[in-house]
Amino acid sequence: MSVSPTWYLVLAAVLFTVGAVGLLVRRNVLVMFMCIELMLNAANLTFVTYSRALNDVGGQSAVFFVLVVAAAEVVVGLGIIVSLFRRKFGATADDAHILKG
């Protein structure tokens, strides 16, 4: 029995929705960062699903580039988060102004 691409797209939509709601609701920078990563993974799942359904490699190559951007985001984002937490314990997204010169 084969799973249709519709189920993967529904899963990707649910993951993206959970990430978007988490990004809008939560104020902790680490949780917001994880929600952004969840949204990127949902987009990757959509790319791979369409790539497999259409028998095209273009979606899989797009996933490669999204993963490269996500890796760069992790490096920069975690650097900012670590510097926030060094200055103030329990920092929220509103505390980004403390990083100014």
C-alpha atoms as a PDB file:
ATOM      1  CA  MET A   1       0.000   0.000   0.000  1.00  0.00           C
ATOM      2  CA  SER A   2       1.398   3.361  -1.033  1.00  0.00           C
ATOM      3  CA  VAL A   3       0.926   6.679   0.700  1.00  0.00           C
ATOM      4  CA  SER A   4      -0.364   9.378  -1.622  1.00  0.00           C
ATOM      5  CA  PRO A   5       1.412  12.748  -1.890  1.00  0.00           C
ATOM      6  CA  THR A   6      -1.661  14.428  -0.421  1.00  0.00           C
ATOM      7  CA  TRP A   7      -0.838  13.070   3.030  1.00  0.00           C
ATOM      8  CA  TYR A   8       2.671  14.488   2.854  1.00  0.00           C
ATOM      9  CA  LEU A   9       1.318  17.871   1.794  1.00  0.00           C
ATOM     10  CA  VAL A  10      -1.200  17.850   4.642  1.00  0.00           C
ATOM     11  CA  LEU A  11       1.598  16.984   7.073  1.00  0.00           C
ATOM     12  CA  ALA A  12       3.730  19.805   5.670  1.00  0.00           C
ATOM     13  CA  ALA A  13       0.825  22.244   6.027  1.00  0.00           C
ATOM     14  CA  VAL A  14       0.268  21.190   9.636  1.00  0.00           C
ATOM     15  CA  LEU A  15       3.973  21.523  10.437  1.00  0.00           C
ATOM     16  CA  PHE A  16       4.135  24.940   8.801  1.00  0.00           C
ATOM     17  CA  THR A  17       1.031  26.081  10.691  1.00  0.00           C
ATOM     18  CA  VAL A  18       2.420  24.895  14.019  1.00  0.00           C
ATOM     19  CA  GLY A  19       5.669  26.721  13.289  1.00  0.00           C
ATOM     20  CA  ALA A  20       3.904  29.933  12.265  1.00  0.00           C
ATOM     21  CA  VAL A  21       1.625  29.930  15.311  1.00  0.00           C
ATOM     22  CA  GLY A  22       4.579  29.182  17.581  1.00  0.00           C
ATOM     23  CA  LEU A  23       6.533  32.035  16.028  1.00  0.00           C
ATOM     24  CA  LEU A  24       3.694  34.487  16.525  1.00  0.00           C
ATOM     25  CA  VAL A  25       2.699  33.395  20.033  1.00  0.00           C
ATOM     26  CA  ARG A  26       5.947  32.642  21.852  1.00  0.00           C
ATOM     27  CA  ARG A  27       8.431  35.342  22.909  1.00  0.00           C
ATOM     28  CA  ASN A  28      11.398  33.136  23.865  1.00  0.00           C
ATOM     29  CA  VAL A  29      14.066  33.471  21.192  1.00  0.00           C
ATOM     30  CA  LEU A  30      15.059  29.800  21.298  1.00  0.00           C
ATOM     31  CA  VAL A  31      11.467  28.662  20.771  1.00  0.00           C
ATOM     32  CA  MET A  32      11.035  31.195  17.976  1.00  0.00           C
ATOM     33  CA  PHE A  33      14.228  29.895  16.373  1.00  0.00           C
ATOM     34  CA  MET A  34      12.950  26.308  16.535  1.00  0.00           C
ATOM     35  CA  CYS A  35       9.639  27.390  14.994  1.00  0.00           C
ATOM     36  CA  ILE A  36      11.469  28.957  12.054  1.00  0.00           C
ATOM     37  CA  GLU A  37      13.381  25.721  11.556  1.00  0.00           C
ATOM     38  CA  LEU A  38      10.112  23.782  11.690  1.00  0.00           C
ATOM     39  CA  MET A  39       8.677  26.028   8.980  1.00  0.00           C
ATOM     40  CA  LEU A  40      11.766  25.479   6.797  1.00  0.00           C
ATOM     41  CA  ASN A  41      11.446  21.717   7.217  1.00  0.00           C
ATOM     42  CA  ALA A  42       7.777  21.898   6.211  1.00  0.00           C
ATOM     43  CA  ALA A  43       8.795  23.727   3.048  1.00  0.00           C
ATOM     44  CA  ASN A  44      11.442  21.068   2.399  1.00  0.00           C
ATOM     45  CA  LEU A  45       8.833  18.327   2.768  1.00  0.00           C
ATOM     46  CA  THR A  46       6.656  20.109   0.224  1.00  0.00           C
ATOM     47  CA  PHE A  47       9.547  20.422  -2.228  1.00  0.00           C
ATOM     48  CA  VAL A  48      10.428  16.732  -1.905  1.00  0.00           C
ATOM     49  CA  THR A  49       6.781  15.668  -2.242  1.00  0.00           C
ATOM     50  CA  TYR A  50       6.289  17.587  -5.467  1.00  0.00           C
ATOM     51  CA  SER A  51       9.661  16.461  -6.744  1.00  0.00           C
ATOM     52  CA  ARG A  52       8.752  12.830  -6.234  1.00  0.00           C
ATOM     53  CA  ALA A  53       5.217  13.229  -7.595  1.00  0.00           C
ATOM     54  CA  LEU A  54       6.432  14.935 -10.766  1.00  0.00           C
ATOM     55  CA  ASN A  55       9.560  12.766 -11.189  1.00  0.00           C
ATOM     56  CA  ASP A  56      11.736  15.868 -11.290  1.00  0.00           C
ATOM     57  CA  VAL A  57      15.002  16.525  -9.499  1.00  0.00           C
ATOM     58  CA  GLY A  58      14.409  20.284  -9.264  1.00  0.00           C
ATOM     59  CA  GLY A  59      12.596  20.044  -5.937  1.00  0.00           C
ATOM     60  CA  GLN A  60      15.369  18.026  -4.381  1.00  0.00           C
ATOM     61  CA  SER A  61      17.965  20.532  -5.523  1.00  0.00           C
ATOM     62  CA  ALA A  62      15.831  23.318  -4.018  1.00  0.00           C
ATOM     63  CA  VAL A  63      15.864  21.387  -0.728  1.00  0.00           C
ATOM     64  CA  PHE A  64      19.655  21.340  -0.882  1.00  0.00           C
ATOM     65  CA  PHE A  65      19.765  25.133  -1.175  1.00  0.00           C
ATOM     66  CA  VAL A  66      17.189  25.575   1.610  1.00  0.00           C
ATOM     67  CA  LEU A  67      19.328  23.368   3.864  1.00  0.00           C
ATOM     68  CA  VAL A  68      22.404  25.479   3.080  1.00  0.00           C
ATOM     69  CA  VAL A  69      20.501  28.657   3.970  1.00  0.00           C
ATOM     70  CA  ALA A  70      19.183  26.984   7.132  1.00  0.00           C
ATOM     71  CA  ALA A  71      22.724  26.036   8.152  1.00  0.00           C
ATOM     72  CA  ALA A  72      23.860  29.633   7.707  1.00  0.00           C
ATOM     73  CA  GLU A  73      20.825  30.784   9.680  1.00  0.00           C
ATOM     74  CA  VAL A  74      21.723  28.430  12.507  1.00  0.00           C
ATOM     75  CA  VAL A  75      25.242  29.844  12.713  1.00  0.00           C
ATOM     76  CA  VAL A  76      24.169  33.483  12.754  1.00  0.00           C
ATOM     77  CA  GLY A  77      20.991  32.930  14.787  1.00  0.00           C
ATOM     78  CA  LEU A  78      22.631  30.918  17.531  1.00  0.00           C
ATOM     79  CA  GLY A  79      25.414  33.498  17.762  1.00  0.00           C
ATOM     80  CA  ILE A  80      22.854  36.228  18.355  1.00  0.00           C
ATOM     81  CA  ILE A  81      20.907  34.083  20.821  1.00  0.00           C
ATOM     82  CA  VAL A  82      24.044  33.227  22.802  1.00  0.00           C
ATOM     83  CA  SER A  83      25.016  36.886  23.014  1.00  0.00           C
ATOM     84  CA  LEU A  84      21.480  37.753  24.173  1.00  0.00           C
ATOM     85  CA  PHE A  85      21.564  35.126  26.899  1.00  0.00           C
ATOM     86  CA  ARG A  86      25.031  36.237  28.050  1.00  0.00           C
ATOM     87  CA  ARG A  87      23.757  39.742  28.662  1.00  0.00           C
ATOM     88  CA  LYS A  88      20.410  38.865  30.198  1.00  0.00           C
ATOM     89  CA  PHE A  89      19.151  35.537  31.515  1.00  0.00           C
ATOM     90  CA  GLY A  90      15.767  34.561  30.113  1.00  0.00           C
ATOM     91  CA  ALA A  91      15.967  36.981  27.213  1.00  0.00           C
ATOM     92  CA  THR A  92      12.933  37.468  24.992  1.00  0.00           C
ATOM     93  CA  ALA A  93      12.610  38.764  21.446  1.00  0.00           C
ATOM     94  CA  ASP A  94      11.939  42.253  22.819  1.00  0.00           C
ATOM     95  CA  ASP A  95      15.408  42.345  24.379  1.00  0.00           C
ATOM     96  CA  ALA A  96      17.278  42.532  21.067  1.00  0.00           C
ATOM     97  CA  HIS A  97      17.835  46.255  21.618  1.00  0.00           C
ATOM     98  CA  ILE A  98      20.404  45.461  24.337  1.00  0.00           C
ATOM     99  CA  LEU A  99      22.817  44.303  21.605  1.00  0.00           C
ATOM    100  CA  LYS A 100      23.241  47.805  20.227  1.00  0.00           C
ATOM    101  CA  GLY A 101      26.806  49.119  20.399  1.00  0.00           C
END
